[in-house]
């Protein structure tokens, strides 16, 4: 199973739309890796506890651990899709999204 860990601002558009975001992240993952499940965990940060350039941050950090290797082209397409769905739902800009992917070895039962 691949996993998403999403660090978001409490009381933000992302926080208000976690259900929609979770559904779209799972569908996006399924489109790229058919038959592979994904879990999503949320880490809301209270206002005043996350900063960018000395100001209250409006960013979201989306980290995905994928259970197999990828190519550069597939990672770029995957990450672009995450940014697109995030901006569609939250109304934020690409400058407010940090997306990372790390590749991990499949579990023995995979």
N, C-alpha and C. Protein backbone atom coordinates (compact mmCIF):
# COMPACT_ATOMS: atom_id res chain seq x y z
N UNK A 1 0.85 -1.18 0.00
CA UNK A 1 0.00 0.00 0.00
C UNK A 1 0.89 1.24 0.00
N UNK A 2 0.57 2.16 -0.86
CA UNK A 2 1.25 3.46 -0.86
C UNK A 2 0.54 4.38 0.11
N UNK A 3 1.24 5.42 0.56
CA UNK A 3 0.65 6.31 1.56
C UNK A 3 0.89 7.78 1.21
N UNK A 4 -0.09 8.59 1.55
CA UNK A 4 0.04 10.04 1.50
C UNK A 4 0.05 10.54 2.93
N UNK A 5 0.92 11.48 3.22
CA UNK A 5 0.88 12.23 4.47
C UNK A 5 0.76 13.69 4.08
N UNK A 6 -0.32 14.34 4.52
CA UNK A 6 -0.62 15.71 4.12
C UNK A 6 -0.56 16.63 5.33
N UNK A 7 0.37 17.58 5.29
CA UNK A 7 0.50 18.60 6.32
C UNK A 7 -0.22 19.83 5.79
N UNK A 8 -1.29 20.21 6.49
CA UNK A 8 -2.14 21.30 6.03
C UNK A 8 -2.36 22.30 7.16
N UNK A 9 -2.77 23.49 6.78
CA UNK A 9 -3.10 24.52 7.76
C UNK A 9 -4.50 24.27 8.32
N UNK A 10 -4.62 24.22 9.64
CA UNK A 10 -5.95 24.13 10.24
C UNK A 10 -6.75 25.35 9.82
N UNK A 11 -8.03 25.15 9.58
CA UNK A 11 -8.95 26.22 9.19
C UNK A 11 -8.73 26.72 7.76
N UNK A 12 -7.93 26.01 6.97
CA UNK A 12 -7.67 26.39 5.58
C UNK A 12 -8.68 25.71 4.66
N UNK A 13 -8.65 26.08 3.38
CA UNK A 13 -9.50 25.42 2.39
C UNK A 13 -9.20 23.93 2.33
N UNK A 14 -7.93 23.56 2.41
CA UNK A 14 -7.57 22.14 2.41
C UNK A 14 -8.20 21.43 3.61
N UNK A 15 -8.15 22.05 4.76
CA UNK A 15 -8.72 21.45 5.97
C UNK A 15 -10.23 21.28 5.84
N UNK A 16 -10.87 22.23 5.21
CA UNK A 16 -12.33 22.15 5.02
C UNK A 16 -12.73 21.11 3.97
N UNK A 17 -11.79 20.68 3.14
CA UNK A 17 -12.11 19.76 2.03
C UNK A 17 -11.32 18.46 2.10
N UNK A 18 -10.96 18.00 3.30
CA UNK A 18 -10.15 16.78 3.40
C UNK A 18 -10.83 15.58 2.76
N UNK A 19 -12.14 15.46 2.88
CA UNK A 19 -12.84 14.32 2.30
C UNK A 19 -12.72 14.32 0.78
N UNK A 20 -12.97 15.47 0.15
CA UNK A 20 -12.84 15.58 -1.31
C UNK A 20 -11.40 15.33 -1.74
N UNK A 21 -10.45 15.91 -1.03
CA UNK A 21 -9.04 15.72 -1.36
C UNK A 21 -8.64 14.26 -1.25
N UNK A 22 -9.08 13.61 -0.19
CA UNK A 22 -8.74 12.20 0.02
C UNK A 22 -9.30 11.34 -1.11
N UNK A 23 -10.53 11.57 -1.50
CA UNK A 23 -11.14 10.81 -2.59
C UNK A 23 -10.39 11.04 -3.90
N UNK A 24 -10.06 12.29 -4.18
CA UNK A 24 -9.36 12.60 -5.43
C UNK A 24 -7.93 12.06 -5.44
N UNK A 25 -7.25 12.11 -4.29
CA UNK A 25 -5.90 11.54 -4.21
C UNK A 25 -5.94 10.03 -4.47
N UNK A 26 -6.91 9.35 -3.87
CA UNK A 26 -7.04 7.90 -4.07
C UNK A 26 -7.36 7.59 -5.54
N UNK A 27 -8.26 8.35 -6.16
CA UNK A 27 -8.60 8.13 -7.56
C UNK A 27 -7.40 8.42 -8.47
N UNK A 28 -6.67 9.48 -8.16
CA UNK A 28 -5.47 9.83 -8.92
C UNK A 28 -4.45 8.70 -8.85
N UNK A 29 -4.25 8.18 -7.66
CA UNK A 29 -3.29 7.10 -7.48
C UNK A 29 -3.75 5.86 -8.27
N UNK A 30 -5.01 5.54 -8.19
CA UNK A 30 -5.57 4.39 -8.92
C UNK A 30 -5.39 4.56 -10.42
N UNK A 31 -5.53 5.79 -10.92
CA UNK A 31 -5.35 6.03 -12.36
C UNK A 31 -3.91 5.76 -12.79
N UNK A 32 -2.95 6.05 -11.92
CA UNK A 32 -1.55 5.84 -12.26
C UNK A 32 -1.06 4.43 -11.95
N UNK A 33 -1.62 3.83 -10.90
CA UNK A 33 -1.19 2.51 -10.46
C UNK A 33 -2.41 1.63 -10.20
N UNK A 34 -3.04 1.14 -11.28
CA UNK A 34 -4.28 0.37 -11.14
C UNK A 34 -4.13 -0.81 -10.16
N UNK A 35 -5.13 -0.95 -9.31
CA UNK A 35 -5.17 -2.04 -8.36
C UNK A 35 -4.39 -1.81 -7.09
N UNK A 36 -3.62 -0.73 -7.03
CA UNK A 36 -2.83 -0.45 -5.83
C UNK A 36 -3.61 0.47 -4.91
N UNK A 37 -3.72 0.11 -3.65
CA UNK A 37 -4.44 0.93 -2.69
C UNK A 37 -3.53 2.00 -2.11
N UNK A 38 -4.16 3.01 -1.54
CA UNK A 38 -3.42 4.12 -0.94
C UNK A 38 -4.13 4.54 0.34
N UNK A 39 -3.36 4.92 1.34
CA UNK A 39 -3.95 5.49 2.55
C UNK A 39 -3.53 6.96 2.62
N UNK A 40 -4.37 7.76 3.26
CA UNK A 40 -4.11 9.19 3.39
C UNK A 40 -4.21 9.57 4.86
N UNK A 41 -3.16 10.23 5.37
CA UNK A 41 -3.23 10.74 6.74
C UNK A 41 -3.08 12.26 6.70
N UNK A 42 -3.73 12.90 7.65
CA UNK A 42 -3.79 14.37 7.69
C UNK A 42 -3.12 14.88 8.94
N UNK A 43 -2.32 15.92 8.79
CA UNK A 43 -1.63 16.57 9.91
C UNK A 43 -1.95 18.06 9.88
N UNK A 44 -3.11 18.45 10.44
CA UNK A 44 -3.42 19.89 10.47
C UNK A 44 -2.55 20.62 11.49
N UNK A 45 -2.00 21.75 11.06
CA UNK A 45 -1.14 22.56 11.91
C UNK A 45 -1.93 23.80 12.36
N UNK A 46 -1.92 24.05 13.64
CA UNK A 46 -2.66 25.21 14.17
C UNK A 46 -2.10 26.51 13.62
N UNK A 47 -2.97 27.51 13.45
CA UNK A 47 -2.49 28.83 13.01
C UNK A 47 -1.39 29.32 13.95
N UNK A 48 -0.37 29.91 13.35
CA UNK A 48 0.74 30.44 14.13
C UNK A 48 1.87 29.46 14.34
N UNK A 49 1.77 28.26 13.76
CA UNK A 49 2.80 27.25 13.96
C UNK A 49 3.51 26.81 12.69
N UNK A 50 3.21 27.43 11.55
CA UNK A 50 3.88 27.09 10.30
C UNK A 50 4.10 28.38 9.52
N UNK A 51 5.36 28.62 9.17
CA UNK A 51 5.71 29.89 8.54
C UNK A 51 6.47 29.67 7.24
N UNK A 52 6.31 30.60 6.32
CA UNK A 52 7.07 30.68 5.09
C UNK A 52 7.58 32.10 4.96
N UNK A 53 8.90 32.26 4.85
CA UNK A 53 9.52 33.58 4.74
C UNK A 53 9.09 34.53 5.85
N UNK A 54 8.97 34.01 7.06
CA UNK A 54 8.66 34.84 8.22
C UNK A 54 7.19 35.23 8.36
N UNK A 55 6.33 34.71 7.48
CA UNK A 55 4.89 35.01 7.56
C UNK A 55 4.12 33.72 7.75
N UNK A 56 2.91 33.85 8.29
CA UNK A 56 2.03 32.69 8.44
C UNK A 56 1.90 31.99 7.10
N UNK A 57 2.18 30.70 7.07
CA UNK A 57 2.16 29.94 5.83
C UNK A 57 0.75 29.62 5.38
N UNK A 58 0.58 29.59 4.08
CA UNK A 58 -0.68 29.12 3.47
C UNK A 58 -0.44 27.82 2.70
N UNK A 59 0.74 27.25 2.86
CA UNK A 59 1.14 26.08 2.09
C UNK A 59 0.57 24.78 2.64
N UNK A 60 0.48 23.81 1.74
CA UNK A 60 0.19 22.43 2.09
C UNK A 60 1.37 21.60 1.62
N UNK A 61 1.74 20.58 2.40
CA UNK A 61 2.83 19.69 2.05
C UNK A 61 2.24 18.29 1.87
N UNK A 62 2.38 17.76 0.67
CA UNK A 62 1.81 16.46 0.34
C UNK A 62 2.97 15.52 0.03
N UNK A 63 3.17 14.52 0.88
CA UNK A 63 4.24 13.56 0.70
C UNK A 63 3.63 12.21 0.39
N UNK A 64 4.12 11.56 -0.66
CA UNK A 64 3.61 10.25 -1.03
C UNK A 64 4.75 9.24 -1.06
N UNK A 65 4.53 8.14 -0.37
CA UNK A 65 5.46 7.01 -0.43
C UNK A 65 4.84 5.98 -1.36
N UNK A 66 5.50 5.76 -2.48
CA UNK A 66 5.01 4.82 -3.50
C UNK A 66 5.77 3.51 -3.34
N UNK A 67 5.06 2.40 -3.40
CA UNK A 67 5.61 1.08 -3.10
C UNK A 67 6.31 0.41 -4.28
N UNK A 68 6.89 1.18 -5.18
CA UNK A 68 7.64 0.63 -6.30
C UNK A 68 8.45 1.74 -6.93
N UNK A 69 9.31 1.38 -7.87
CA UNK A 69 10.13 2.40 -8.52
C UNK A 69 9.33 3.10 -9.61
N UNK A 70 9.76 4.32 -9.94
CA UNK A 70 9.10 5.12 -10.97
C UNK A 70 10.17 5.67 -11.92
N UNK A 71 9.69 6.20 -13.02
CA UNK A 71 10.58 6.92 -13.92
C UNK A 71 10.41 8.41 -13.67
N UNK A 72 11.33 9.19 -14.18
CA UNK A 72 11.20 10.64 -14.02
C UNK A 72 9.89 11.15 -14.64
N UNK A 73 9.58 10.69 -15.83
CA UNK A 73 8.36 11.14 -16.51
C UNK A 73 7.11 10.75 -15.73
N UNK A 74 7.07 9.53 -15.18
CA UNK A 74 5.88 9.12 -14.43
C UNK A 74 5.76 9.89 -13.11
N UNK A 75 6.90 10.17 -12.45
CA UNK A 75 6.86 10.99 -11.22
C UNK A 75 6.36 12.39 -11.50
N UNK A 76 6.86 13.00 -12.59
CA UNK A 76 6.44 14.35 -12.94
C UNK A 76 4.94 14.40 -13.24
N UNK A 77 4.44 13.43 -14.00
CA UNK A 77 3.00 13.40 -14.31
C UNK A 77 2.18 13.18 -13.04
N UNK A 78 2.65 12.32 -12.18
CA UNK A 78 1.96 12.04 -10.93
C UNK A 78 1.89 13.29 -10.06
N UNK A 79 3.04 13.95 -9.90
CA UNK A 79 3.11 15.14 -9.06
C UNK A 79 2.28 16.28 -9.65
N UNK A 80 2.31 16.45 -10.97
CA UNK A 80 1.51 17.48 -11.63
C UNK A 80 0.03 17.22 -11.37
N UNK A 81 -0.38 15.97 -11.42
CA UNK A 81 -1.78 15.62 -11.15
C UNK A 81 -2.19 15.95 -9.72
N UNK A 82 -1.29 15.69 -8.77
CA UNK A 82 -1.58 16.04 -7.37
C UNK A 82 -1.76 17.55 -7.25
N UNK A 83 -0.86 18.32 -7.85
CA UNK A 83 -0.99 19.79 -7.81
C UNK A 83 -2.30 20.24 -8.44
N UNK A 84 -2.64 19.68 -9.58
CA UNK A 84 -3.86 20.08 -10.27
C UNK A 84 -5.11 19.80 -9.45
N UNK A 85 -5.20 18.61 -8.88
CA UNK A 85 -6.41 18.31 -8.10
C UNK A 85 -6.47 19.17 -6.84
N UNK A 86 -5.32 19.45 -6.25
CA UNK A 86 -5.27 20.27 -5.03
C UNK A 86 -5.73 21.70 -5.32
N UNK A 87 -5.24 22.27 -6.43
CA UNK A 87 -5.64 23.64 -6.77
C UNK A 87 -7.11 23.68 -7.16
N UNK A 88 -7.59 22.65 -7.87
CA UNK A 88 -9.01 22.60 -8.25
C UNK A 88 -9.92 22.64 -7.03
N UNK A 89 -9.58 21.88 -6.01
CA UNK A 89 -10.44 21.77 -4.83
C UNK A 89 -10.27 22.94 -3.87
N UNK A 90 -9.04 23.38 -3.66
CA UNK A 90 -8.79 24.39 -2.62
C UNK A 90 -8.76 25.82 -3.12
N UNK A 91 -8.49 26.00 -4.42
CA UNK A 91 -8.35 27.34 -4.97
C UNK A 91 -6.99 27.95 -4.71
N UNK A 92 -6.06 27.18 -4.15
CA UNK A 92 -4.72 27.71 -3.89
C UNK A 92 -3.92 27.74 -5.20
N UNK A 93 -2.73 28.28 -5.14
CA UNK A 93 -1.86 28.32 -6.31
C UNK A 93 -0.80 27.24 -6.19
N UNK A 94 -0.10 26.98 -7.30
CA UNK A 94 1.01 26.02 -7.27
C UNK A 94 2.08 26.43 -6.27
N UNK A 95 2.20 27.71 -6.00
CA UNK A 95 3.22 28.21 -5.07
C UNK A 95 2.89 27.86 -3.62
N UNK A 96 1.68 27.38 -3.37
CA UNK A 96 1.26 27.01 -2.02
C UNK A 96 1.23 25.50 -1.80
N UNK A 97 1.80 24.76 -2.74
CA UNK A 97 1.79 23.30 -2.66
C UNK A 97 3.22 22.77 -2.76
N UNK A 98 3.57 21.91 -1.83
CA UNK A 98 4.83 21.20 -1.88
C UNK A 98 4.48 19.72 -2.01
N UNK A 99 4.90 19.10 -3.11
CA UNK A 99 4.61 17.68 -3.33
C UNK A 99 5.93 16.93 -3.40
N UNK A 100 6.01 15.84 -2.67
CA UNK A 100 7.20 15.00 -2.76
C UNK A 100 6.78 13.54 -2.90
N UNK A 101 7.62 12.80 -3.57
CA UNK A 101 7.40 11.36 -3.73
C UNK A 101 8.68 10.66 -3.29
N UNK A 102 8.51 9.61 -2.51
CA UNK A 102 9.65 8.75 -2.23
C UNK A 102 9.23 7.33 -2.59
N UNK A 103 10.17 6.59 -3.08
CA UNK A 103 9.92 5.22 -3.52
C UNK A 103 10.39 4.28 -2.42
N UNK A 104 9.54 3.31 -2.08
CA UNK A 104 9.90 2.34 -1.07
C UNK A 104 9.75 0.94 -1.66
N UNK A 105 10.38 0.00 -1.05
CA UNK A 105 10.29 -1.39 -1.51
C UNK A 105 8.92 -1.94 -1.19
N UNK A 106 8.36 -2.76 -2.09
CA UNK A 106 7.07 -3.39 -1.80
C UNK A 106 7.17 -4.31 -0.60
N UNK A 107 6.07 -4.44 0.14
CA UNK A 107 6.02 -5.38 1.24
C UNK A 107 6.17 -6.79 0.69
N UNK A 108 6.58 -7.72 1.52
CA UNK A 108 6.72 -9.12 1.08
C UNK A 108 5.41 -9.69 0.55
N UNK A 109 4.27 -9.24 1.11
CA UNK A 109 2.98 -9.78 0.66
C UNK A 109 2.49 -9.14 -0.62
N UNK A 110 3.15 -8.07 -1.11
CA UNK A 110 2.72 -7.42 -2.35
C UNK A 110 3.00 -8.29 -3.56
